[in-house]
Every structure is written in structure tokens, then in C-alpha cells.
Amino acid sequence: MRLLVLAAAATLSLAACNQQPAEPAPAPTEPAPPPAPPKPEINAVDLTQDLRALGTEPFWAVEITKAGLKTSGVDKPERTAPNAGPVMSEGAAVWTATTSDGQPLKVTLTAGPCSDGMSDRTYPLTAAVELAGESLKGCAATVAALDRMQGQESGEVR
């Protein structure tokens, strides 16, 4: 009997040695941050970059920067407005603001191609501007792309 008790004790001792400690519970994981929203773009033009819309007859321009919108034109006062960012829809971006002198301003950029009518340049975006009751039509691109075209009267503005 004593032998049986010793055998049982030995078996229990061996079983206790072979037991592995319980694995610690995994640390709680933090949820992954949400993916960044896609950059607004139209026709492969990144709309977070500084943009310029321009037209001829009459000559006019609208600069769109993070700091704001600035209009200019021949025989027209320069106007500024805050940039709240564009409202995006399928193939279009629309900025709406009120200028510093209280005039409504709406700039709509859509996928081009567009010609300014004075050069042989092809712009990636078409621009429509409504300012103080006047409707203007023209083209648009990033300021960087237009700077690269300095001195060139033809080609694709990219």
C-alpha cells in the first residue's frame, strides 16, 4: 500500500512539474486610428495646393490658397475672402465666400481640358467664377504648374 501511495505521489509531482504556467492575458490593444481622408482632387490636381483660376476678355484671376481667396482683374478692385475649403461633388469643387467688401464669391472648378483662348496651353481644370453679379469663365491649375510654364505659350499645364 505504501508503494501505491509513493507511486501516486510521484505521478502527481511529475504532473505538477509538466504544467506550464498560464499565459498572461494579452494587453488590450488600442483601436487603429481611422484612415486619413483622401486629399480632394479633380483630374489628378491636388486641391490642397495653391491654385489659380484665370480668364481673358476681361482678364481676371482668383488665387486659392490656405490663407484665403484673392480676386484680381483689369479695372476691378482686388478682393479677398476666407477659404473654408471646397465642397466636393463628382468631378467638381466649389468654394463659396463673402469678400472683404461684402460681395458674394463662388468659384467652381471642374475637370478640363480647358484653353484660355489666348495661348496654346491646355489646363487640367475649367473654372467658373461668380463675383458681385458677374459670371466669369476660364481655366485653372496649381500655381506650381503655372510657374513651371513661365515663358511657354503652348503645352499641357501639369
Protein backbone atom coordinates (compact mmCIF):
# COMPACT_ATOMS: atom_id res chain seq x y z
CA MET A 1 0.00 0.00 0.00
CA ARG A 2 2.85 2.23 0.87
CA LEU A 3 4.27 1.59 -2.57
CA LEU A 4 0.97 2.60 -4.12
CA VAL A 5 0.93 5.89 -2.18
CA LEU A 6 4.53 6.64 -3.21
CA ALA A 7 3.73 5.92 -6.86
CA ALA A 8 0.68 8.21 -6.74
CA ALA A 9 2.72 10.97 -5.08
CA ALA A 10 5.46 10.62 -7.70
CA THR A 11 2.93 10.79 -10.52
CA LEU A 12 1.32 13.90 -9.08
CA SER A 13 4.73 15.53 -8.62
CA LEU A 14 5.67 14.85 -12.24
CA ALA A 15 2.33 16.15 -13.45
CA ALA A 16 2.81 19.34 -11.46
CA CYS A 17 6.27 19.84 -12.99
CA ASN A 18 4.96 19.45 -16.52
CA GLN A 19 2.22 22.03 -16.09
CA GLN A 20 3.04 25.26 -17.85
CA PRO A 21 2.07 28.50 -16.21
CA ALA A 22 -0.99 30.12 -17.71
CA GLU A 23 -0.10 32.61 -20.42
CA PRO A 24 -0.73 36.18 -19.38
CA ALA A 25 -3.79 37.75 -20.92
CA PRO A 26 -2.87 39.80 -23.97
CA ALA A 27 -2.67 43.51 -23.33
CA PRO A 28 -5.70 45.34 -24.59
CA THR A 29 -4.99 46.81 -28.00
CA GLU A 30 -5.92 50.33 -28.93
CA PRO A 31 -8.14 50.60 -31.98
CA ALA A 32 -6.31 51.61 -35.13
CA PRO A 33 -6.73 55.29 -35.97
CA PRO A 34 -9.19 55.93 -38.77
CA PRO A 35 -7.62 56.28 -42.21
CA ALA A 36 -6.87 59.81 -43.31
CA PRO A 37 -9.50 61.20 -45.63
CA PRO A 38 -8.37 61.28 -49.24
CA LYS A 39 -6.97 64.56 -50.50
CA PRO A 40 -9.53 66.44 -52.53
CA GLU A 41 -8.55 66.26 -56.16
CA ILE A 42 -10.06 66.64 -59.59
CA ASN A 43 -8.46 65.40 -62.80
CA ALA A 44 -5.32 64.45 -60.79
CA VAL A 45 -4.96 68.04 -59.48
CA ASP A 46 -4.40 68.15 -55.70
CA LEU A 47 -6.80 70.83 -54.48
CA THR A 48 -4.87 71.27 -51.21
CA GLN A 49 -2.16 73.04 -53.24
CA ASP A 50 -2.27 76.74 -54.09
CA LEU A 51 -4.48 77.17 -57.17
CA ARG A 52 -5.04 79.87 -59.75
CA ALA A 53 -8.13 80.29 -61.87
CA LEU A 54 -7.79 82.76 -64.73
CA GLY A 55 -9.59 84.05 -67.75
CA THR A 56 -9.41 86.50 -70.60
CA GLU A 57 -11.78 89.07 -72.05
CA PRO A 58 -11.84 90.52 -69.47
CA PHE A 59 -8.57 89.46 -67.82
CA TRP A 60 -9.22 88.16 -64.32
CA ALA A 61 -7.72 85.76 -61.78
CA VAL A 62 -8.61 84.11 -58.50
CA GLU A 63 -5.87 82.78 -56.24
CA ILE A 64 -6.99 79.99 -53.90
CA THR A 65 -4.59 79.40 -51.01
CA LYS A 66 -4.94 78.05 -47.48
CA ALA A 67 -4.87 81.66 -46.28
CA GLY A 68 -7.84 82.68 -48.44
CA LEU A 69 -9.20 83.59 -51.85
CA LYS A 70 -8.00 86.70 -53.69
CA THR A 71 -9.58 88.09 -56.83
CA SER A 72 -7.98 90.47 -59.29
CA GLY A 73 -8.74 91.82 -62.73
CA VAL A 74 -8.30 94.65 -65.16
CA ASP A 75 -10.18 97.72 -63.89
CA LYS A 76 -11.51 95.68 -60.93
CA PRO A 77 -10.72 96.12 -57.26
CA GLU A 78 -8.73 93.36 -55.60
CA ARG A 79 -10.93 91.46 -53.17
CA THR A 80 -10.12 88.89 -50.51
CA ALA A 81 -12.24 86.26 -48.80
CA PRO A 82 -11.68 83.49 -46.26
CA ASN A 83 -11.09 79.95 -47.54
CA ALA A 84 -13.39 77.50 -45.79
CA GLY A 85 -12.34 74.79 -48.25
CA PRO A 86 -14.21 73.37 -51.19
CA VAL A 87 -17.41 71.40 -51.19
CA MET A 88 -16.66 68.34 -53.29
CA SER A 89 -19.04 66.57 -55.62
CA GLU A 90 -18.49 64.20 -58.53
CA GLY A 91 -15.81 65.92 -60.63
CA ALA A 92 -16.28 69.39 -59.14
CA ALA A 93 -15.11 71.54 -56.25
CA VAL A 94 -16.99 74.66 -55.16
CA TRP A 95 -15.73 77.43 -52.89
CA THR A 96 -18.27 79.95 -51.60
CA ALA A 97 -17.37 83.00 -49.55
CA THR A 98 -18.14 86.62 -48.93
CA THR A 99 -15.41 89.07 -49.88
CA SER A 100 -14.00 91.66 -47.50
CA ASP A 101 -16.25 94.29 -49.13
CA GLY A 102 -19.36 92.13 -48.69
CA GLN A 103 -19.68 90.70 -52.20
CA PRO A 104 -20.70 87.07 -52.77
CA LEU A 105 -17.98 84.92 -54.37
CA LYS A 106 -18.39 81.44 -55.80
CA VAL A 107 -15.58 79.56 -57.56
CA THR A 108 -16.34 76.25 -59.26
CA LEU A 109 -13.57 74.06 -60.66
CA THR A 110 -14.38 71.05 -62.83
CA ALA A 111 -12.33 68.53 -64.78
CA GLY A 112 -10.94 70.04 -68.04
CA PRO A 113 -9.27 70.15 -70.50
CA CYS A 114 -9.51 73.89 -70.89
CA SER A 115 -7.97 76.52 -73.18
CA ASP A 116 -7.57 80.13 -72.09
CA GLY A 117 -8.24 81.35 -75.65
CA MET A 118 -5.04 83.40 -75.78
CA SER A 119 -2.34 80.72 -75.81
CA ASP A 120 -1.96 77.13 -76.89
CA ARG A 121 -1.84 75.95 -73.28
CA THR A 122 -4.13 73.20 -72.11
CA TYR A 123 -5.20 73.45 -68.48
CA PRO A 124 -6.46 70.49 -66.41
CA LEU A 125 -9.43 72.34 -64.91
CA THR A 126 -12.25 74.57 -66.09
CA ALA A 127 -13.19 77.50 -63.85
CA ALA A 128 -16.44 79.36 -63.37
CA VAL A 129 -16.49 82.37 -61.06
CA GLU A 130 -19.46 84.37 -59.86
CA LEU A 131 -18.47 87.62 -58.23
CA ALA A 132 -20.65 90.59 -57.41
CA GLY A 133 -23.26 89.61 -60.01
CA GLU A 134 -20.72 88.95 -62.77
CA SER A 135 -20.10 85.49 -64.28
CA LEU A 136 -16.58 84.71 -65.49
CA LYS A 137 -15.36 81.63 -67.37
CA GLY A 138 -11.79 80.40 -67.59
CA CYS A 139 -9.27 77.72 -66.69
CA ALA A 140 -7.36 76.65 -63.60
CA ALA A 141 -4.29 74.76 -62.41
CA THR A 142 -1.93 74.68 -59.44
CA VAL A 143 0.29 77.73 -59.04
CA ALA A 144 3.32 75.40 -59.16
CA ALA A 145 2.25 74.02 -62.56
CA LEU A 146 1.70 77.54 -63.91
CA ASP A 147 5.10 78.64 -62.60
CA ARG A 148 6.72 75.75 -64.49
CA MET A 149 5.07 77.07 -67.68
CA GLN A 150 6.60 80.57 -67.39
CA GLY A 151 7.65 81.76 -70.84
CA GLN A 152 5.87 78.91 -72.64
CA GLU A 153 2.81 79.73 -74.71
CA SER A 154 1.89 76.15 -75.51
CA GLY A 155 1.73 72.78 -73.83
CA GLU A 156 -0.11 70.95 -71.14
CA VAL A 157 -0.18 72.68 -67.75
CA ARG A 158 0.57 69.91 -65.21
